[in-house]
Amino acid sequence: MTITPILCSLHLLPVKFRRQYKIAMITFKVIHNLAPAYLGDLVTIKRTSRYNLRSNKSITLFDPSAKYKRTLGERSFKAAVAKTWNSLPDNIRNQSNINQFIGYFYKHFFSNCL
């Protein structure tokens, strides 16, 4: 028996999702200039095309893990931030209010919890 269904029934995120939550919150704060500048230096937003594409609507981050496969690059903070943020659905990434971001994040992960 796993503890995950019990945690979900108590509205507590499992450890894996709590880790993603912390990383996503730091990333949200960096993107919206609410975090310290030294964290902002570690996050690179992908450049969007000058054309009007659907993919331009959401904020995606550059993933450096492909560049540094042989070193610790894929386990670095930069790679973890990009991988976690880019895996979120567009409706969560496009939020500009932190409270709405948290609400959509929890709703998304509790729907996938069980």
C-alpha atoms as a PDB file:
ATOM      1  CA  MET A   1       0.000   0.000   0.000  1.00  0.00           C
ATOM      2  CA  THR A   2       1.294   3.435  -0.869  1.00  0.00           C
ATOM      3  CA  ILE A   3       0.773   6.637   1.026  1.00  0.00           C
ATOM      4  CA  THR A   4      -0.208   8.681  -2.040  1.00  0.00           C
ATOM      5  CA  PRO A   5      -4.000   8.092  -1.857  1.00  0.00           C
ATOM      6  CA  ILE A   6      -3.978   9.022   1.824  1.00  0.00           C
ATOM      7  CA  LEU A   7      -2.027  12.224   1.127  1.00  0.00           C
ATOM      8  CA  CYS A   8      -4.448  13.107  -1.678  1.00  0.00           C
ATOM      9  CA  SER A   9      -7.459  12.575   0.557  1.00  0.00           C
ATOM     10  CA  LEU A  10      -5.887  14.977   3.091  1.00  0.00           C
ATOM     11  CA  HIS A  11      -5.149  17.488   0.287  1.00  0.00           C
ATOM     12  CA  LEU A  12      -1.397  17.184   0.785  1.00  0.00           C
ATOM     13  CA  LEU A  13       0.846  16.855  -2.229  1.00  0.00           C
ATOM     14  CA  PRO A  14       3.145  13.825  -2.443  1.00  0.00           C
ATOM     15  CA  VAL A  15       6.878  14.574  -2.174  1.00  0.00           C
ATOM     16  CA  LYS A  16       7.447  14.428  -5.941  1.00  0.00           C
ATOM     17  CA  PHE A  17       4.755  17.058  -6.530  1.00  0.00           C
ATOM     18  CA  ARG A  18       5.944  19.233  -3.621  1.00  0.00           C
ATOM     19  CA  ARG A  19       9.374  19.365  -5.230  1.00  0.00           C
ATOM     20  CA  GLN A  20       7.816  20.411  -8.530  1.00  0.00           C
ATOM     21  CA  TYR A  21       5.711  22.995  -6.691  1.00  0.00           C
ATOM     22  CA  LYS A  22       8.745  24.612  -5.076  1.00  0.00           C
ATOM     23  CA  ILE A  23      10.627  24.738  -8.371  1.00  0.00           C
ATOM     24  CA  ALA A  24       7.575  26.114 -10.215  1.00  0.00           C
ATOM     25  CA  MET A  25       7.069  28.827  -7.566  1.00  0.00           C
ATOM     26  CA  ILE A  26      10.689  29.935  -7.806  1.00  0.00           C
ATOM     27  CA  THR A  27      10.405  29.992 -11.597  1.00  0.00           C
ATOM     28  CA  PHE A  28       7.154  31.987 -11.494  1.00  0.00           C
ATOM     29  CA  LYS A  29       8.785  34.552  -9.222  1.00  0.00           C
ATOM     30  CA  VAL A  30      11.857  34.790 -11.453  1.00  0.00           C
ATOM     31  CA  ILE A  31       9.791  35.296 -14.620  1.00  0.00           C
ATOM     32  CA  HIS A  32       7.663  38.011 -12.981  1.00  0.00           C
ATOM     33  CA  ASN A  33      10.663  39.749 -11.325  1.00  0.00           C
ATOM     34  CA  LEU A  34       9.657  38.817  -7.779  1.00  0.00           C
ATOM     35  CA  ALA A  35      12.811  36.811  -7.017  1.00  0.00           C
ATOM     36  CA  PRO A  36      16.415  37.898  -6.381  1.00  0.00           C
ATOM     37  CA  ALA A  37      18.489  38.853  -9.416  1.00  0.00           C
ATOM     38  CA  TYR A  38      20.974  36.011  -8.986  1.00  0.00           C
ATOM     39  CA  LEU A  39      18.175  33.501  -9.655  1.00  0.00           C
ATOM     40  CA  GLY A  40      17.090  35.471 -12.694  1.00  0.00           C
ATOM     41  CA  ASP A  41      20.560  34.999 -14.151  1.00  0.00           C
ATOM     42  CA  LEU A  42      20.054  31.209 -14.092  1.00  0.00           C
ATOM     43  CA  VAL A  43      16.773  31.189 -16.029  1.00  0.00           C
ATOM     44  CA  THR A  44      16.638  31.852 -19.771  1.00  0.00           C
ATOM     45  CA  ILE A  45      13.308  32.433 -21.489  1.00  0.00           C
ATOM     46  CA  LYS A  46      13.135  31.009 -25.014  1.00  0.00           C
ATOM     47  CA  ARG A  47      12.905  33.602 -27.704  1.00  0.00           C
ATOM     48  CA  THR A  48       9.613  33.639 -29.493  1.00  0.00           C
ATOM     49  CA  SER A  49       9.123  33.854 -33.197  1.00  0.00           C
ATOM     50  CA  ARG A  50       8.220  37.150 -34.802  1.00  0.00           C
ATOM     51  CA  TYR A  51       5.260  35.414 -36.432  1.00  0.00           C
ATOM     52  CA  ASN A  52       1.858  35.070 -34.794  1.00  0.00           C
ATOM     53  CA  LEU A  53       1.960  31.412 -33.727  1.00  0.00           C
ATOM     54  CA  ARG A  54       0.011  29.557 -31.042  1.00  0.00           C
ATOM     55  CA  SER A  55       3.291  28.539 -29.432  1.00  0.00           C
ATOM     56  CA  ASN A  56       4.102  32.211 -28.774  1.00  0.00           C
ATOM     57  CA  LYS A  57       1.243  32.470 -26.312  1.00  0.00           C
ATOM     58  CA  SER A  58       2.971  30.598 -23.479  1.00  0.00           C
ATOM     59  CA  ILE A  59       6.263  31.249 -21.718  1.00  0.00           C
ATOM     60  CA  THR A  60       8.793  28.463 -22.258  1.00  0.00           C
ATOM     61  CA  LEU A  61      12.311  28.229 -20.897  1.00  0.00           C
ATOM     62  CA  PHE A  62      15.533  27.196 -22.578  1.00  0.00           C
ATOM     63  CA  ASP A  63      16.568  23.701 -21.440  1.00  0.00           C
ATOM     64  CA  PRO A  64      20.367  23.471 -21.080  1.00  0.00           C
ATOM     65  CA  SER A  65      20.373  19.766 -20.149  1.00  0.00           C
ATOM     66  CA  ALA A  66      20.785  18.673 -23.776  1.00  0.00           C
ATOM     67  CA  LYS A  67      23.972  20.698 -24.035  1.00  0.00           C
ATOM     68  CA  TYR A  68      25.628  19.136 -20.969  1.00  0.00           C
ATOM     69  CA  LYS A  69      24.572  15.479 -21.075  1.00  0.00           C
ATOM     70  CA  ARG A  70      27.898  14.080 -19.911  1.00  0.00           C
ATOM     71  CA  THR A  71      28.275  16.294 -16.854  1.00  0.00           C
ATOM     72  CA  LEU A  72      25.982  17.223 -14.002  1.00  0.00           C
ATOM     73  CA  GLY A  73      24.208  19.688 -16.277  1.00  0.00           C
ATOM     74  CA  GLU A  74      20.988  17.730 -16.505  1.00  0.00           C
ATOM     75  CA  ARG A  75      20.725  17.707 -12.690  1.00  0.00           C
ATOM     76  CA  SER A  76      21.533  21.388 -12.281  1.00  0.00           C
ATOM     77  CA  PHE A  77      19.123  24.066 -11.100  1.00  0.00           C
ATOM     78  CA  LYS A  78      18.877  25.504 -14.632  1.00  0.00           C
ATOM     79  CA  ALA A  79      17.834  22.174 -16.110  1.00  0.00           C
ATOM     80  CA  ALA A  80      15.405  21.338 -13.287  1.00  0.00           C
ATOM     81  CA  VAL A  81      13.708  24.726 -13.619  1.00  0.00           C
ATOM     82  CA  ALA A  82      13.332  24.441 -17.388  1.00  0.00           C
ATOM     83  CA  LYS A  83      12.105  20.848 -17.304  1.00  0.00           C
ATOM     84  CA  THR A  84       9.558  21.501 -14.541  1.00  0.00           C
ATOM     85  CA  TRP A  85       8.256  24.772 -16.001  1.00  0.00           C
ATOM     86  CA  ASN A  86       7.965  23.479 -19.572  1.00  0.00           C
ATOM     87  CA  SER A  87       6.059  20.400 -18.371  1.00  0.00           C
ATOM     88  CA  LEU A  88       3.266  22.545 -16.892  1.00  0.00           C
ATOM     89  CA  PRO A  89       0.146  23.105 -19.013  1.00  0.00           C
ATOM     90  CA  ASP A  90      -0.205  26.447 -20.812  1.00  0.00           C
ATOM     91  CA  ASN A  91      -3.074  27.665 -18.649  1.00  0.00           C
ATOM     92  CA  ILE A  92      -0.838  27.435 -15.569  1.00  0.00           C
ATOM     93  CA  ARG A  93       2.238  28.977 -17.191  1.00  0.00           C
ATOM     94  CA  ASN A  94       0.278  31.954 -18.536  1.00  0.00           C
ATOM     95  CA  GLN A  95      -0.982  33.145 -15.149  1.00  0.00           C
ATOM     96  CA  SER A  96       0.235  36.566 -14.046  1.00  0.00           C
ATOM     97  CA  ASN A  97      -1.251  36.510 -10.531  1.00  0.00           C
ATOM     98  CA  ILE A  98       0.589  34.352  -8.010  1.00  0.00           C
ATOM     99  CA  ASN A  99      -2.600  33.294  -6.191  1.00  0.00           C
ATOM    100  CA  GLN A 100      -4.222  32.130  -9.422  1.00  0.00           C
ATOM    101  CA  PHE A 101      -0.999  30.316 -10.340  1.00  0.00           C
ATOM    102  CA  ILE A 102      -1.066  28.436  -7.024  1.00  0.00           C
ATOM    103  CA  GLY A 103      -4.756  27.582  -7.419  1.00  0.00           C
ATOM    104  CA  TYR A 104      -4.366  26.233 -10.956  1.00  0.00           C
ATOM    105  CA  PHE A 105      -1.209  24.345  -9.944  1.00  0.00           C
ATOM    106  CA  TYR A 106      -2.934  22.567  -7.054  1.00  0.00           C
ATOM    107  CA  LYS A 107      -6.036  21.834  -9.130  1.00  0.00           C
ATOM    108  CA  HIS A 108      -3.854  20.300 -11.871  1.00  0.00           C
ATOM    109  CA  PHE A 109      -1.841  18.087  -9.526  1.00  0.00           C
ATOM    110  CA  PHE A 110      -4.781  16.959  -7.398  1.00  0.00           C
ATOM    111  CA  SER A 111      -6.616  15.915 -10.549  1.00  0.00           C
ATOM    112  CA  ASN A 112      -3.555  13.796 -11.450  1.00  0.00           C
ATOM    113  CA  CYS A 113      -2.920  12.657  -7.886  1.00  0.00           C
ATOM    114  CA  LEU A 114      -4.729   9.336  -7.872  1.00  0.00           C
END
